[in-house]
Amino acid sequence: MDTLDRTFHALGDGTRRQILSRLSTDGPCSANELRAPFDVAQPTVSKHLKVLERAGLVRREVDGRVHRFYLEMTPFREAEDWIARHEAFWQGTLQHLDDYVGGGGNPAGG
């Protein structure tokens, strides 16, 4: 899987998106702090955090037994760039279709 695939895979899960939201609003959090809002076992949250780490969306720092997670923005920017490029393509394509349909079938509009 390339970086973009890992990013979109990680973002495809609601629990992982909630973890990322928490990190974006609260700043760095420990694994236990991130687990608190969910009614799940620690191993489940650990699996989600590993997926987020592999995607590069979070960075882990270990201080003794405490694992603290930090949000990493680079993969978000890369995904945003990819979406923007494709959005521009589809906007242009849809505009051409609208011109074609609105213009009576002539792409030039006449």
Protein backbone atom coordinates (compact mmCIF):
# COMPACT_ATOMS: atom_id res chain seq x y z
CA MET A 1 0.00 0.00 0.00
CA ASP A 2 1.31 3.44 -0.78
CA THR A 3 1.04 6.39 1.58
CA LEU A 4 -2.20 7.73 0.13
CA ASP A 5 -3.84 4.30 0.29
CA ARG A 6 -2.86 3.96 3.95
CA THR A 7 -4.20 7.46 4.69
CA PHE A 8 -7.60 6.84 3.12
CA HIS A 9 -7.80 3.37 4.70
CA ALA A 10 -7.11 4.88 8.12
CA LEU A 11 -9.66 7.66 7.57
CA GLY A 12 -12.28 5.10 6.51
CA ASP A 13 -13.03 4.10 10.11
CA GLY A 14 -15.19 6.26 12.39
CA THR A 15 -13.28 5.39 15.56
CA ARG A 16 -9.99 6.40 13.97
CA ARG A 17 -11.51 9.67 12.74
CA GLN A 18 -12.72 10.37 16.28
CA ILE A 19 -9.23 9.69 17.64
CA LEU A 20 -7.78 12.13 15.09
CA SER A 21 -10.42 14.73 16.00
CA ARG A 22 -9.52 14.39 19.65
CA LEU A 23 -5.83 14.89 18.88
CA SER A 24 -6.64 17.93 16.73
CA THR A 25 -8.63 19.62 19.49
CA ASP A 26 -6.85 18.42 22.65
CA GLY A 27 -3.29 18.12 21.39
CA PRO A 28 -1.04 15.20 22.30
CA CYS A 29 -2.77 12.46 24.32
CA SER A 30 -1.76 9.21 25.92
CA ALA A 31 -3.24 5.94 24.70
CA ASN A 32 -5.41 5.77 27.83
CA GLU A 33 -6.69 9.31 27.28
CA LEU A 34 -7.60 8.41 23.71
CA ARG A 35 -9.37 5.24 24.81
CA ALA A 36 -11.49 6.98 27.48
CA PRO A 37 -14.43 8.10 25.28
CA PHE A 38 -14.86 4.65 23.73
CA ASP A 39 -16.45 1.59 25.26
CA VAL A 40 -13.73 -0.71 23.95
CA ALA A 41 -10.81 -2.68 25.34
CA GLN A 42 -7.28 -1.28 25.24
CA PRO A 43 -6.15 -3.78 22.54
CA THR A 44 -8.86 -2.47 20.21
CA VAL A 45 -7.69 1.13 20.56
CA SER A 46 -4.09 -0.04 20.18
CA LYS A 47 -4.97 -1.61 16.83
CA HIS A 48 -6.57 1.63 15.67
CA LEU A 49 -3.52 3.61 16.79
CA LYS A 50 -1.21 1.25 14.90
CA VAL A 51 -3.22 1.79 11.70
CA LEU A 52 -2.98 5.56 12.22
CA GLU A 53 0.77 5.25 12.84
CA ARG A 54 1.35 3.16 9.71
CA ALA A 55 -0.51 5.82 7.72
CA GLY A 56 1.74 8.48 9.25
CA LEU A 57 -1.27 10.34 10.67
CA VAL A 58 0.03 10.08 14.24
CA ARG A 59 3.45 9.89 15.82
CA ARG A 60 4.12 7.99 19.05
CA GLU A 61 6.56 9.07 21.75
CA VAL A 62 7.26 6.71 24.63
CA ASP A 63 8.17 7.98 28.09
CA GLY A 64 8.49 4.99 30.38
CA ARG A 65 5.14 3.23 30.24
CA VAL A 66 3.26 6.20 28.81
CA HIS A 67 2.74 6.27 25.05
CA ARG A 68 1.82 9.77 23.88
CA PHE A 69 0.39 10.37 20.41
CA TYR A 70 0.80 13.46 18.26
CA LEU A 71 -1.10 14.42 15.13
CA GLU A 72 0.98 14.56 11.94
CA MET A 73 -0.36 16.84 9.21
CA THR A 74 1.68 15.82 6.14
CA PRO A 75 -0.56 12.87 5.12
CA PHE A 76 -3.65 15.08 5.48
CA ARG A 77 -2.11 17.66 3.16
CA GLU A 78 -1.20 14.98 0.62
CA ALA A 79 -4.78 13.63 0.69
CA GLU A 80 -6.16 17.14 0.40
CA ASP A 81 -3.94 17.81 -2.65
CA TRP A 82 -5.09 14.58 -4.29
CA ILE A 83 -8.75 15.45 -3.66
CA ALA A 84 -8.26 19.00 -4.98
CA ARG A 85 -6.71 17.73 -8.22
CA HIS A 86 -9.58 15.32 -8.79
CA GLU A 87 -12.19 17.87 -7.78
CA ALA A 88 -10.84 20.28 -10.41
CA PHE A 89 -11.05 17.52 -13.04
CA TRP A 90 -14.63 16.62 -12.13
CA GLN A 91 -15.75 20.24 -11.93
CA GLY A 92 -14.41 20.77 -15.45
CA THR A 93 -16.00 17.55 -16.68
CA LEU A 94 -19.36 18.40 -15.15
CA GLN A 95 -19.18 21.91 -16.61
CA HIS A 96 -18.56 20.44 -20.07
CA LEU A 97 -21.52 18.10 -19.59
CA ASP A 98 -23.72 20.98 -18.46
CA ASP A 99 -22.63 23.03 -21.48
CA TYR A 100 -23.34 20.07 -23.75
CA VAL A 101 -26.79 19.33 -22.29
CA GLY A 102 -27.74 23.00 -21.87
CA GLY A 103 -26.49 23.89 -25.34
CA GLY A 104 -28.70 21.40 -27.13
CA GLY A 105 -26.00 18.79 -27.59
CA ASN A 106 -23.29 21.03 -29.00
CA PRO A 107 -20.25 21.26 -26.69
CA ALA A 108 -19.63 24.78 -28.01
CA GLY A 109 -23.00 25.82 -26.63
CA GLY A 110 -24.58 26.74 -29.92
